[in-house]
């Protein structure tokens, strides 16, 4: 249950810096990744936060308390359409700022490897994608965790997706993120696939 001082609301443009910061603070399977991407702390957010805030604002929420934004909840109604827009609309301006890395990939920094992903998106859509066309993404800072709010947050997004007519939602998490897996399975998500170290879970809507 979400109770004071916490509240969940629709994301606004002013929330972008805080959301990007949360992304890097939870970017290593729930652990902090600022030390990994210290040369560009916003690098992860350009993949996992920015496009949702820009292209799916009706499905973007932030959790805040008296200290500020401490979590976000992001979704995409149609993953195929989202991926097409991500490539054709979101990424071109990013490409103009961050050239594709060259040379031996073994010498690239973690940030350079993310820049490579800017040019070669690796978004896996688990089957049966027609039954789980939507996808979701949630992250919270430690001060907001362990309070049971994640369940209410996810229900908010799942209800929004169902209201828009989606038959199902999927999400991905690191195979080593046992805490997150337990959380999603408690919600009723079931395994759909595993790919490159990522576990994909699905939840049927409009049952």
N, C-alpha and C. Protein backbone atom coordinates (compact mmCIF):
# COMPACT_ATOMS: atom_id res chain seq x y z
N UNK A 1 0.84 -1.19 0.00
CA UNK A 1 0.00 0.00 0.00
C UNK A 1 0.87 1.24 0.00
N UNK A 2 0.53 2.19 -0.85
CA UNK A 2 1.29 3.43 -0.93
C UNK A 2 0.68 4.44 0.04
N UNK A 3 1.44 4.82 1.05
CA UNK A 3 0.93 5.73 2.06
C UNK A 3 1.94 6.84 2.32
N UNK A 4 1.50 7.97 2.88
CA UNK A 4 2.40 9.10 3.15
C UNK A 4 3.62 8.66 3.93
N UNK A 5 4.78 9.24 3.64
CA UNK A 5 5.01 10.38 2.75
C UNK A 5 5.13 10.02 1.26
N UNK A 6 4.89 8.77 0.90
CA UNK A 6 5.04 8.36 -0.48
C UNK A 6 3.74 8.59 -1.27
N UNK A 7 3.90 8.91 -2.53
CA UNK A 7 2.75 8.99 -3.43
C UNK A 7 3.19 8.67 -4.85
N UNK A 8 2.29 8.08 -5.59
CA UNK A 8 2.54 7.72 -6.99
C UNK A 8 1.75 8.68 -7.86
N UNK A 9 2.41 9.24 -8.87
CA UNK A 9 1.75 10.17 -9.78
C UNK A 9 2.31 10.00 -11.18
N UNK A 10 1.60 10.58 -12.13
CA UNK A 10 2.09 10.55 -13.51
C UNK A 10 3.41 11.33 -13.61
N UNK A 11 4.30 10.81 -14.41
CA UNK A 11 5.58 11.49 -14.61
C UNK A 11 5.37 12.77 -15.41
N UNK A 12 6.21 13.75 -15.12
CA UNK A 12 6.20 15.03 -15.82
C UNK A 12 7.60 15.29 -16.36
N UNK A 13 7.74 16.20 -17.34
CA UNK A 13 9.07 16.48 -17.90
C UNK A 13 10.11 16.83 -16.84
N UNK A 14 9.69 17.50 -15.77
CA UNK A 14 10.63 17.90 -14.72
C UNK A 14 11.23 16.70 -13.96
N UNK A 15 10.62 15.53 -14.12
CA UNK A 15 11.09 14.35 -13.40
C UNK A 15 12.24 13.63 -14.12
N UNK A 16 12.54 14.05 -15.33
CA UNK A 16 13.53 13.30 -16.12
C UNK A 16 14.89 13.16 -15.42
N UNK A 17 15.50 14.25 -14.89
CA UNK A 17 16.81 14.07 -14.25
C UNK A 17 16.79 13.06 -13.11
N UNK A 18 15.75 13.12 -12.28
CA UNK A 18 15.67 12.19 -11.15
C UNK A 18 15.48 10.75 -11.64
N UNK A 19 14.67 10.56 -12.68
CA UNK A 19 14.45 9.21 -13.21
C UNK A 19 15.73 8.63 -13.80
N UNK A 20 16.48 9.46 -14.52
CA UNK A 20 17.76 9.00 -15.06
C UNK A 20 18.71 8.61 -13.92
N UNK A 21 18.69 9.37 -12.85
CA UNK A 21 19.57 9.09 -11.72
C UNK A 21 19.19 7.77 -11.05
N UNK A 22 17.89 7.53 -10.90
CA UNK A 22 17.42 6.27 -10.31
C UNK A 22 17.85 5.10 -11.19
N UNK A 23 17.79 5.30 -12.50
CA UNK A 23 18.17 4.24 -13.43
C UNK A 23 19.61 3.78 -13.19
N UNK A 24 20.53 4.72 -13.05
CA UNK A 24 21.93 4.33 -12.86
C UNK A 24 22.17 3.85 -11.43
N UNK A 25 21.39 4.32 -10.46
CA UNK A 25 21.56 3.88 -9.08
C UNK A 25 21.02 2.47 -8.85
N UNK A 26 20.25 1.97 -9.82
CA UNK A 26 19.71 0.60 -9.72
C UNK A 26 20.09 -0.24 -10.94
N UNK A 27 21.04 0.24 -11.72
CA UNK A 27 21.31 -0.33 -13.04
C UNK A 27 22.13 -1.59 -13.11
N UNK A 28 22.56 -2.12 -11.97
CA UNK A 28 23.34 -3.36 -11.97
C UNK A 28 22.54 -4.44 -11.26
N UNK A 29 21.49 -4.94 -11.94
CA UNK A 29 20.58 -5.93 -11.35
C UNK A 29 20.04 -5.47 -10.00
N UNK A 30 19.64 -4.20 -9.95
CA UNK A 30 19.09 -3.64 -8.73
C UNK A 30 20.11 -2.94 -7.86
N UNK A 31 21.38 -3.16 -8.15
CA UNK A 31 22.45 -2.51 -7.38
C UNK A 31 22.93 -1.26 -8.11
N UNK A 32 23.67 -0.44 -7.40
CA UNK A 32 24.17 0.80 -7.97
C UNK A 32 25.15 0.56 -9.10
N UNK A 33 25.04 1.37 -10.15
CA UNK A 33 25.93 1.23 -11.30
C UNK A 33 26.64 2.53 -11.65
N UNK A 34 26.55 3.52 -10.75
CA UNK A 34 27.18 4.81 -11.04
C UNK A 34 28.69 4.66 -11.23
N UNK A 35 29.31 3.73 -10.50
CA UNK A 35 30.75 3.53 -10.63
C UNK A 35 31.11 2.86 -11.96
N UNK A 36 30.15 2.16 -12.55
CA UNK A 36 30.39 1.48 -13.82
C UNK A 36 30.31 2.46 -14.98
N UNK A 37 29.36 3.39 -14.89
CA UNK A 37 29.15 4.36 -15.97
C UNK A 37 29.50 5.77 -15.50
N UNK A 38 30.59 5.88 -14.75
CA UNK A 38 30.95 7.16 -14.15
C UNK A 38 31.29 8.23 -15.18
N UNK A 39 31.71 7.82 -16.38
CA UNK A 39 32.03 8.81 -17.41
C UNK A 39 30.80 9.36 -18.10
N UNK A 40 29.64 8.70 -17.93
CA UNK A 40 28.38 9.20 -18.48
C UNK A 40 27.23 8.56 -17.71
N UNK A 41 26.86 9.12 -16.56
CA UNK A 41 25.82 8.53 -15.73
C UNK A 41 24.45 8.47 -16.38
N UNK A 42 24.23 9.23 -17.45
CA UNK A 42 22.93 9.22 -18.12
C UNK A 42 22.85 8.19 -19.25
N UNK A 43 23.94 7.48 -19.48
CA UNK A 43 23.99 6.56 -20.61
C UNK A 43 22.91 5.49 -20.54
N UNK A 44 22.73 4.88 -19.38
CA UNK A 44 21.71 3.85 -19.22
C UNK A 44 20.30 4.41 -19.42
N UNK A 45 20.08 5.59 -18.88
CA UNK A 45 18.76 6.19 -18.93
C UNK A 45 18.28 6.48 -20.34
N UNK A 46 19.21 6.70 -21.26
CA UNK A 46 18.80 6.96 -22.65
C UNK A 46 18.16 5.73 -23.29
N UNK A 47 18.43 4.57 -22.73
CA UNK A 47 17.82 3.34 -23.23
C UNK A 47 16.58 2.98 -22.41
N UNK A 48 16.70 3.04 -21.09
CA UNK A 48 15.69 2.45 -20.21
C UNK A 48 14.71 3.44 -19.59
N UNK A 49 14.93 4.75 -19.76
CA UNK A 49 14.03 5.74 -19.17
C UNK A 49 13.53 6.75 -20.20
N UNK A 50 14.45 7.43 -20.84
CA UNK A 50 14.10 8.52 -21.74
C UNK A 50 13.03 8.21 -22.78
N UNK A 51 13.17 7.11 -23.51
CA UNK A 51 12.17 6.84 -24.55
C UNK A 51 10.76 6.61 -24.01
N UNK A 52 10.66 6.08 -22.80
CA UNK A 52 9.33 5.87 -22.21
C UNK A 52 8.70 7.19 -21.81
N UNK A 53 9.49 8.06 -21.18
CA UNK A 53 8.97 9.36 -20.79
C UNK A 53 8.52 10.15 -22.02
N UNK A 54 9.28 10.01 -23.11
CA UNK A 54 8.98 10.79 -24.32
C UNK A 54 7.87 10.18 -25.17
N UNK A 55 7.84 8.86 -25.28
CA UNK A 55 6.95 8.22 -26.25
C UNK A 55 5.74 7.52 -25.64
N UNK A 56 5.79 7.25 -24.32
CA UNK A 56 4.66 6.58 -23.66
C UNK A 56 4.30 7.33 -22.37
N UNK A 57 4.06 8.63 -22.45
CA UNK A 57 3.81 9.40 -21.22
C UNK A 57 2.58 8.96 -20.44
N UNK A 58 1.59 8.37 -21.12
CA UNK A 58 0.38 7.91 -20.42
C UNK A 58 0.65 6.70 -19.54
N UNK A 59 1.80 6.06 -19.74
CA UNK A 59 2.15 4.87 -18.97
C UNK A 59 3.43 5.08 -18.17
N UNK A 60 3.71 6.33 -17.85
CA UNK A 60 4.92 6.68 -17.09
C UNK A 60 4.51 7.30 -15.75
N UNK A 61 4.98 6.70 -14.67
CA UNK A 61 4.66 7.17 -13.32
C UNK A 61 5.95 7.32 -12.51
N UNK A 62 5.89 8.20 -11.51
CA UNK A 62 7.00 8.31 -10.57
C UNK A 62 6.48 8.19 -9.15
N UNK A 63 7.31 7.61 -8.30
CA UNK A 63 7.03 7.52 -6.87
C UNK A 63 7.87 8.60 -6.20
N UNK A 64 7.27 9.37 -5.30
CA UNK A 64 8.04 10.40 -4.62
C UNK A 64 7.69 10.45 -3.14
N UNK A 65 8.62 10.99 -2.37
CA UNK A 65 8.38 11.23 -0.95
C UNK A 65 8.87 12.64 -0.63
N UNK A 66 9.04 12.96 0.64
CA UNK A 66 9.44 14.32 0.99
C UNK A 66 10.88 14.64 0.60
N UNK A 67 11.63 13.62 0.18
CA UNK A 67 13.00 13.86 -0.30
C UNK A 67 13.06 14.01 -1.82
N UNK A 68 11.97 13.70 -2.50
CA UNK A 68 11.93 13.80 -3.95
C UNK A 68 11.55 12.49 -4.61
N UNK A 69 11.77 12.39 -5.90
CA UNK A 69 11.43 11.20 -6.67
C UNK A 69 12.35 10.04 -6.24
N UNK A 70 11.74 8.91 -5.93
CA UNK A 70 12.53 7.77 -5.44
C UNK A 70 12.20 6.47 -6.17
N UNK A 71 11.43 6.57 -7.25
CA UNK A 71 11.11 5.39 -8.04
C UNK A 71 10.37 5.78 -9.30
N UNK A 72 10.33 4.86 -10.24
CA UNK A 72 9.54 5.10 -11.44
C UNK A 72 8.93 3.79 -11.92
N UNK A 73 7.89 3.95 -12.70
CA UNK A 73 7.14 2.83 -13.27
C UNK A 73 6.84 3.20 -14.72
N UNK A 74 7.37 2.43 -15.65
CA UNK A 74 7.29 2.77 -17.07
C UNK A 74 6.71 1.61 -17.86
N UNK A 75 5.97 1.91 -18.90
CA UNK A 75 5.39 0.85 -19.71
C UNK A 75 5.25 1.25 -21.15
N UNK A 76 5.07 0.25 -22.00
CA UNK A 76 4.81 0.45 -23.42
C UNK A 76 3.64 -0.45 -23.79
N UNK A 77 2.65 0.10 -24.47
CA UNK A 77 1.45 -0.66 -24.81
C UNK A 77 1.73 -1.72 -25.87
N UNK A 78 2.45 -1.34 -26.92
CA UNK A 78 2.73 -2.22 -28.05
C UNK A 78 4.24 -2.26 -28.25
N UNK A 79 4.87 -3.35 -27.86
CA UNK A 79 6.33 -3.42 -27.90
C UNK A 79 6.89 -3.33 -29.31
N UNK A 80 6.20 -3.89 -30.29
CA UNK A 80 6.66 -3.79 -31.67
C UNK A 80 6.69 -2.33 -32.12
N UNK A 81 5.61 -1.62 -31.84
CA UNK A 81 5.54 -0.21 -32.22
C UNK A 81 6.57 0.61 -31.45
N UNK A 82 6.71 0.30 -30.17
CA UNK A 82 7.68 1.02 -29.34
C UNK A 82 9.09 0.86 -29.91
N UNK A 83 9.46 -0.36 -30.27
CA UNK A 83 10.79 -0.61 -30.81
C UNK A 83 10.99 0.14 -32.12
N UNK A 84 9.97 0.16 -32.98
CA UNK A 84 10.08 0.89 -34.25
C UNK A 84 10.27 2.38 -34.00
N UNK A 85 9.52 2.94 -33.06
CA UNK A 85 9.65 4.37 -32.75
C UNK A 85 10.98 4.66 -32.06
N UNK A 86 11.42 3.74 -31.25
CA UNK A 86 12.71 3.89 -30.56
C UNK A 86 13.83 4.04 -31.58
N UNK A 87 13.78 3.22 -32.62
CA UNK A 87 14.82 3.25 -33.65
C UNK A 87 14.69 4.46 -34.56
N UNK A 88 13.47 4.76 -35.00
CA UNK A 88 13.28 5.80 -36.00
C UNK A 88 13.14 7.22 -35.44
N UNK A 89 12.67 7.32 -34.19
CA UNK A 89 12.40 8.65 -33.64
C UNK A 89 13.29 9.02 -32.46
N UNK A 90 13.46 8.09 -31.53
CA UNK A 90 14.21 8.41 -30.32
C UNK A 90 15.72 8.42 -30.55
N UNK A 91 16.24 7.45 -31.26
CA UNK A 91 17.68 7.30 -31.36
C UNK A 91 18.42 8.26 -32.29
N UNK A 92 17.85 8.71 -33.40
CA UNK A 92 18.63 9.61 -34.28
C UNK A 92 19.24 10.81 -33.56
N UNK A 93 18.54 11.54 -32.70
CA UNK A 93 19.19 12.65 -31.99
C UNK A 93 20.30 12.18 -31.05
N UNK A 94 20.13 10.97 -30.49
CA UNK A 94 21.17 10.41 -29.62
C UNK A 94 22.41 10.10 -30.44
N UNK A 95 22.21 9.55 -31.63
CA UNK A 95 23.34 9.25 -32.51
C UNK A 95 24.14 10.50 -32.84
N UNK A 96 23.45 11.61 -32.99
CA UNK A 96 24.12 12.86 -33.34
C UNK A 96 25.05 13.34 -32.22
N UNK A 97 24.77 12.91 -30.99
CA UNK A 97 25.58 13.33 -29.84
C UNK A 97 26.68 12.32 -29.48
N UNK A 98 26.41 11.04 -29.76
CA UNK A 98 27.32 10.00 -29.29
C UNK A 98 27.68 9.06 -30.44
N UNK A 99 28.86 9.24 -31.04
CA UNK A 99 29.27 8.41 -32.17
C UNK A 99 29.38 6.93 -31.78
N UNK A 100 29.17 6.07 -32.75
CA UNK A 100 29.33 4.64 -32.51
C UNK A 100 30.81 4.34 -32.25
N UNK A 101 31.11 3.59 -31.20
CA UNK A 101 32.50 3.28 -30.89
C UNK A 101 33.13 2.40 -31.98
N UNK A 102 34.41 2.58 -32.15
CA UNK A 102 35.16 1.81 -33.14
C UNK A 102 36.33 1.11 -32.46
N UNK A 103 37.02 0.29 -33.23
CA UNK A 103 38.16 -0.42 -32.68
C UNK A 103 37.77 -1.73 -32.04
N UNK A 104 38.67 -2.26 -31.23
CA UNK A 104 38.49 -3.57 -30.60
C UNK A 104 37.46 -3.48 -29.48
N UNK A 105 36.33 -4.19 -29.59
CA UNK A 105 35.32 -4.14 -28.54
C UNK A 105 35.85 -4.57 -27.17
N UNK A 106 36.90 -5.38 -27.15
CA UNK A 106 37.47 -5.83 -25.88
C UNK A 106 38.10 -4.68 -25.10
N UNK A 107 38.36 -3.58 -25.77
CA UNK A 107 38.98 -2.43 -25.12
C UNK A 107 37.95 -1.36 -24.73
N UNK A 108 36.69 -1.57 -25.08
CA UNK A 108 35.66 -0.56 -24.80
C UNK A 108 35.34 -0.51 -23.31
N UNK A 109 35.01 0.66 -22.86
CA UNK A 109 34.52 0.84 -21.50
C UNK A 109 33.06 0.40 -21.45
N UNK A 110 32.50 0.17 -20.25
CA UNK A 110 31.08 -0.16 -20.16
C UNK A 110 30.19 0.90 -20.84
N UNK A 111 30.58 2.14 -20.73
CA UNK A 111 29.79 3.20 -21.37
C UNK A 111 29.86 3.09 -22.88
N UNK A 112 31.04 2.80 -23.42
CA UNK A 112 31.16 2.64 -24.87
C UNK A 112 30.31 1.45 -25.36
N UNK A 113 30.23 0.43 -24.55
CA UNK A 113 29.39 -0.72 -24.94
C UNK A 113 27.92 -0.32 -25.00
N UNK A 114 27.51 0.59 -24.11
CA UNK A 114 26.15 1.11 -24.19
C UNK A 114 25.97 1.95 -25.45
N UNK A 115 26.97 2.74 -25.78
CA UNK A 115 26.88 3.54 -27.01
C UNK A 115 26.71 2.63 -28.23
N UNK A 116 27.39 1.49 -28.21
CA UNK A 116 27.23 0.54 -29.30
C UNK A 116 25.77 0.08 -29.38
N UNK A 117 25.15 -0.14 -28.23
CA UNK A 117 23.74 -0.55 -28.21
C UNK A 117 22.84 0.53 -28.77
N UNK A 118 23.27 1.79 -28.69
CA UNK A 118 22.47 2.86 -29.30
C UNK A 118 22.29 2.60 -30.79
N UNK A 119 23.31 2.01 -31.40
CA UNK A 119 23.29 1.77 -32.85
C UNK A 119 22.80 0.37 -33.21
N UNK A 120 22.86 -0.52 -32.24
CA UNK A 120 22.47 -1.91 -32.48
C UNK A 120 21.57 -2.38 -31.35
N UNK A 121 20.33 -1.89 -31.31
CA UNK A 121 19.41 -2.24 -30.21
C UNK A 121 19.22 -3.76 -30.12
N UNK A 122 19.26 -4.24 -28.90
CA UNK A 122 19.09 -5.67 -28.67
C UNK A 122 17.87 -5.87 -27.78
N UNK A 123 16.71 -5.58 -28.34
CA UNK A 123 15.46 -5.72 -27.59
C UNK A 123 14.79 -7.02 -27.98
N UNK A 124 14.83 -7.95 -27.06
CA UNK A 124 14.26 -9.27 -27.27
C UNK A 124 12.78 -9.25 -26.90
N UNK A 125 11.92 -9.71 -27.80
CA UNK A 125 10.50 -9.77 -27.53
C UNK A 125 10.11 -11.24 -27.36
N UNK A 126 9.78 -11.64 -26.15
CA UNK A 126 9.49 -13.06 -25.87
C UNK A 126 8.18 -13.51 -26.50
N UNK A 127 8.16 -14.74 -26.94
CA UNK A 127 6.93 -15.34 -27.49
C UNK A 127 6.11 -16.00 -26.37
N UNK A 128 4.79 -16.05 -26.53
CA UNK A 128 4.02 -15.53 -27.67
C UNK A 128 3.76 -14.03 -27.51
N UNK A 129 4.42 -13.21 -28.32
CA UNK A 129 4.36 -11.77 -28.15
C UNK A 129 2.95 -11.23 -28.41
N UNK A 130 2.16 -11.94 -29.20
CA UNK A 130 0.79 -11.47 -29.43
C UNK A 130 -0.07 -11.58 -28.17
N UNK A 131 0.33 -12.47 -27.25
CA UNK A 131 -0.40 -12.60 -25.98
C UNK A 131 0.17 -11.69 -24.89
N UNK A 132 1.42 -11.24 -25.09
CA UNK A 132 2.08 -10.37 -24.12
C UNK A 132 2.73 -9.19 -24.85
N UNK A 133 1.96 -8.39 -25.58
CA UNK A 133 2.55 -7.35 -26.43
C UNK A 133 3.09 -6.15 -25.66
N UNK A 134 2.58 -5.92 -24.46
CA UNK A 134 3.03 -4.77 -23.68
C UNK A 134 4.24 -5.15 -22.83
N UNK A 135 4.97 -4.14 -22.39
CA UNK A 135 6.04 -4.44 -21.44
C UNK A 135 6.16 -3.33 -20.40
N UNK A 136 6.81 -3.67 -19.29
CA UNK A 136 6.88 -2.79 -18.13
C UNK A 136 8.28 -2.76 -17.56
N UNK A 137 8.54 -1.70 -16.80
CA UNK A 137 9.86 -1.52 -16.18
C UNK A 137 9.67 -0.71 -14.90
N UNK A 138 10.17 -1.20 -13.78
CA UNK A 138 10.03 -0.51 -12.50
C UNK A 138 11.35 -0.51 -11.77
N UNK A 139 11.69 0.61 -11.13
CA UNK A 139 12.88 0.70 -10.30
C UNK A 139 12.59 1.62 -9.13
N UNK A 140 13.14 1.28 -7.96
CA UNK A 140 12.98 2.11 -6.77
C UNK A 140 14.30 2.20 -6.02
N UNK A 141 14.55 3.34 -5.42
CA UNK A 141 15.72 3.51 -4.58
C UNK A 141 15.53 2.73 -3.28
N UNK A 142 16.63 2.39 -2.60
CA UNK A 142 16.54 1.58 -1.38
C UNK A 142 15.55 2.12 -0.35
N UNK A 143 15.45 3.44 -0.22
CA UNK A 143 14.57 3.98 0.83
C UNK A 143 13.09 3.69 0.57
N UNK A 144 12.77 3.33 -0.68
CA UNK A 144 11.37 3.03 -1.02
C UNK A 144 11.11 1.54 -1.10
N UNK A 145 12.14 0.75 -0.97
CA UNK A 145 11.99 -0.70 -1.13
C UNK A 145 11.57 -1.36 0.19
N UNK A 146 11.02 -2.57 0.07
CA UNK A 146 10.66 -3.34 1.25
C UNK A 146 9.45 -2.83 2.00
N UNK A 147 8.64 -2.02 1.36
CA UNK A 147 7.46 -1.44 2.00
C UNK A 147 6.16 -1.93 1.37
N UNK A 148 6.28 -2.82 0.38
CA UNK A 148 5.09 -3.34 -0.27
C UNK A 148 4.50 -2.44 -1.34
N UNK A 149 5.17 -1.32 -1.61
CA UNK A 149 4.62 -0.37 -2.58
C UNK A 149 4.79 -0.85 -4.02
N UNK A 150 5.80 -1.65 -4.27
CA UNK A 150 6.03 -2.12 -5.64
C UNK A 150 4.84 -2.88 -6.19
N UNK A 151 4.17 -3.65 -5.34
CA UNK A 151 3.00 -4.41 -5.78
C UNK A 151 1.88 -3.47 -6.23
N UNK A 152 1.62 -2.42 -5.42
CA UNK A 152 0.58 -1.46 -5.79
C UNK A 152 0.97 -0.70 -7.05
N UNK A 153 2.25 -0.39 -7.17
CA UNK A 153 2.71 0.32 -8.36
C UNK A 153 2.48 -0.52 -9.62
N UNK A 154 2.87 -1.79 -9.53
CA UNK A 154 2.69 -2.65 -10.69
C UNK A 154 1.22 -2.84 -11.03
N UNK A 155 0.38 -2.97 -10.01
CA UNK A 155 -1.05 -3.11 -10.28
C UNK A 155 -1.59 -1.88 -11.00
N UNK A 156 -1.07 -0.70 -10.64
CA UNK A 156 -1.50 0.53 -11.31
C UNK A 156 -1.20 0.46 -12.80
N UNK A 157 0.01 0.03 -13.15
CA UNK A 157 0.37 -0.05 -14.56
C UNK A 157 -0.40 -1.15 -15.27
N UNK A 158 -0.52 -2.30 -14.64
CA UNK A 158 -1.23 -3.41 -15.27
C UNK A 158 -2.70 -3.04 -15.52
N UNK A 159 -3.30 -2.33 -14.59
CA UNK A 159 -4.67 -1.88 -14.78
C UNK A 159 -4.77 -0.88 -15.92
N UNK A 160 -3.77 0.00 -16.05
CA UNK A 160 -3.75 0.96 -17.15
C UNK A 160 -3.63 0.25 -18.49
N UNK A 161 -2.78 -0.76 -18.55
CA UNK A 161 -2.61 -1.52 -19.79
C UNK A 161 -3.88 -2.29 -20.14
N UNK A 162 -4.51 -2.87 -19.14
CA UNK A 162 -5.75 -3.61 -19.38
C UNK A 162 -6.84 -2.67 -19.89
N UNK A 163 -6.90 -1.46 -19.32
CA UNK A 163 -7.90 -0.49 -19.75
C UNK A 163 -7.69 -0.06 -21.19
N UNK A 164 -6.45 -0.14 -21.66
CA UNK A 164 -6.14 0.21 -23.03
C UNK A 164 -6.31 -0.99 -23.97
N UNK A 165 -6.73 -2.13 -23.43
CA UNK A 165 -7.03 -3.29 -24.26
C UNK A 165 -5.92 -4.28 -24.44
N UNK A 166 -4.83 -4.14 -23.70
CA UNK A 166 -3.73 -5.09 -23.86
C UNK A 166 -4.10 -6.45 -23.27
N UNK A 167 -3.76 -7.54 -23.97
CA UNK A 167 -4.03 -8.88 -23.45
C UNK A 167 -2.97 -9.38 -22.48
N UNK A 168 -1.80 -8.74 -22.46
CA UNK A 168 -0.76 -9.23 -21.58
C UNK A 168 0.47 -8.35 -21.58
N UNK A 169 1.28 -8.51 -20.54
CA UNK A 169 2.47 -7.69 -20.34
C UNK A 169 3.67 -8.58 -20.03
N UNK A 170 4.84 -8.21 -20.53
CA UNK A 170 6.05 -8.93 -20.19
C UNK A 170 7.10 -7.95 -19.65
N UNK A 171 8.12 -8.50 -19.05
CA UNK A 171 9.24 -7.70 -18.57
C UNK A 171 10.46 -8.59 -18.48
N UNK A 172 11.62 -7.96 -18.41
CA UNK A 172 12.87 -8.70 -18.33
C UNK A 172 13.66 -8.30 -17.09
N UNK A 173 14.41 -9.23 -16.53
CA UNK A 173 15.27 -8.97 -15.40
C UNK A 173 16.47 -9.90 -15.46
N UNK A 174 17.55 -9.50 -14.84
CA UNK A 174 18.74 -10.34 -14.82
C UNK A 174 18.47 -11.67 -14.17
N UNK A 175 19.00 -12.73 -14.75
CA UNK A 175 18.76 -14.07 -14.19
C UNK A 175 19.27 -14.20 -12.76
N UNK A 176 20.22 -13.33 -12.37
CA UNK A 176 20.78 -13.40 -11.03
C UNK A 176 20.04 -12.50 -10.04
N UNK A 177 18.98 -11.84 -10.50
CA UNK A 177 18.24 -10.92 -9.62
C UNK A 177 17.11 -11.70 -8.93
N UNK A 178 17.49 -12.51 -7.96
CA UNK A 178 16.53 -13.39 -7.29
C UNK A 178 15.44 -12.61 -6.56
N UNK A 179 15.79 -11.48 -6.02
CA UNK A 179 14.81 -10.68 -5.28
C UNK A 179 13.71 -10.18 -6.21
N UNK A 180 14.10 -9.68 -7.37
CA UNK A 180 13.11 -9.19 -8.32
C UNK A 180 12.25 -10.34 -8.85
N UNK A 181 12.88 -11.47 -9.12
CA UNK A 181 12.11 -12.62 -9.63
C UNK A 181 11.05 -13.05 -8.62
N UNK A 182 11.41 -13.10 -7.35
CA UNK A 182 10.46 -13.47 -6.32
C UNK A 182 9.29 -12.49 -6.28
N UNK A 183 9.61 -11.21 -6.43
CA UNK A 183 8.59 -10.16 -6.41
C UNK A 183 7.59 -10.34 -7.54
N UNK A 184 8.11 -10.54 -8.77
CA UNK A 184 7.21 -10.67 -9.91
C UNK A 184 6.40 -11.96 -9.89
N UNK A 185 7.01 -13.02 -9.44
CA UNK A 185 6.26 -14.29 -9.36
C UNK A 185 5.15 -14.18 -8.31
N UNK A 186 5.39 -13.43 -7.26
CA UNK A 186 4.36 -13.21 -6.25
C UNK A 186 3.18 -12.46 -6.86
N UNK A 187 3.45 -11.59 -7.81
CA UNK A 187 2.41 -10.84 -8.49
C UNK A 187 1.61 -11.70 -9.46
N UNK A 188 2.18 -12.84 -9.85
CA UNK A 188 1.50 -13.71 -10.80
C UNK A 188 2.16 -13.82 -12.15
N UNK A 189 3.35 -13.25 -12.30
CA UNK A 189 4.09 -13.38 -13.56
C UNK A 189 4.66 -14.79 -13.67
N UNK A 190 4.73 -15.29 -14.88
CA UNK A 190 5.29 -16.62 -15.13
C UNK A 190 6.38 -16.53 -16.19
N UNK A 191 7.26 -17.50 -16.21
CA UNK A 191 8.40 -17.46 -17.12
C UNK A 191 7.95 -17.66 -18.57
N UNK A 192 8.50 -16.81 -19.45
CA UNK A 192 8.27 -16.92 -20.89
C UNK A 192 9.52 -17.40 -21.63
N UNK A 193 10.67 -16.87 -21.25
CA UNK A 193 11.90 -17.20 -21.98
C UNK A 193 13.11 -16.73 -21.19
N UNK A 194 14.28 -17.23 -21.62
CA UNK A 194 15.57 -16.75 -21.12
C UNK A 194 16.44 -16.47 -22.33
N UNK A 195 17.13 -15.33 -22.30
CA UNK A 195 17.94 -14.96 -23.44
C UNK A 195 19.08 -14.06 -22.99
N UNK A 196 20.30 -14.51 -23.22
CA UNK A 196 21.51 -13.73 -22.94
C UNK A 196 21.55 -13.23 -21.49
N UNK A 197 21.24 -14.10 -20.57
CA UNK A 197 21.32 -13.74 -19.16
C UNK A 197 20.13 -12.99 -18.62
N UNK A 198 19.09 -12.85 -19.44
CA UNK A 198 17.89 -12.13 -19.02
C UNK A 198 16.72 -13.11 -18.92
N UNK A 199 15.99 -13.03 -17.83
CA UNK A 199 14.79 -13.83 -17.62
C UNK A 199 13.58 -12.98 -17.99
N UNK A 200 12.73 -13.49 -18.87
CA UNK A 200 11.53 -12.77 -19.29
C UNK A 200 10.30 -13.44 -18.68
N UNK A 201 9.50 -12.62 -18.02
CA UNK A 201 8.28 -13.08 -17.36
C UNK A 201 7.07 -12.40 -18.00
N UNK A 202 5.93 -13.08 -17.95
CA UNK A 202 4.72 -12.54 -18.55
C UNK A 202 3.53 -12.60 -17.61
N UNK A 203 2.57 -11.70 -17.84
CA UNK A 203 1.36 -11.63 -17.03
C UNK A 203 0.18 -11.41 -17.96
N UNK A 204 -0.84 -12.28 -17.88
CA UNK A 204 -2.01 -12.16 -18.73
C UNK A 204 -2.98 -11.13 -18.13
N UNK A 205 -3.49 -10.27 -18.99
CA UNK A 205 -4.46 -9.25 -18.63
C UNK A 205 -5.82 -9.61 -19.21
N UNK A 206 -6.85 -8.94 -18.76
CA UNK A 206 -8.19 -9.15 -19.29
C UNK A 206 -8.54 -10.64 -19.32
N UNK A 207 -8.25 -11.32 -18.22
CA UNK A 207 -8.46 -12.76 -18.13
C UNK A 207 -9.96 -13.08 -18.13
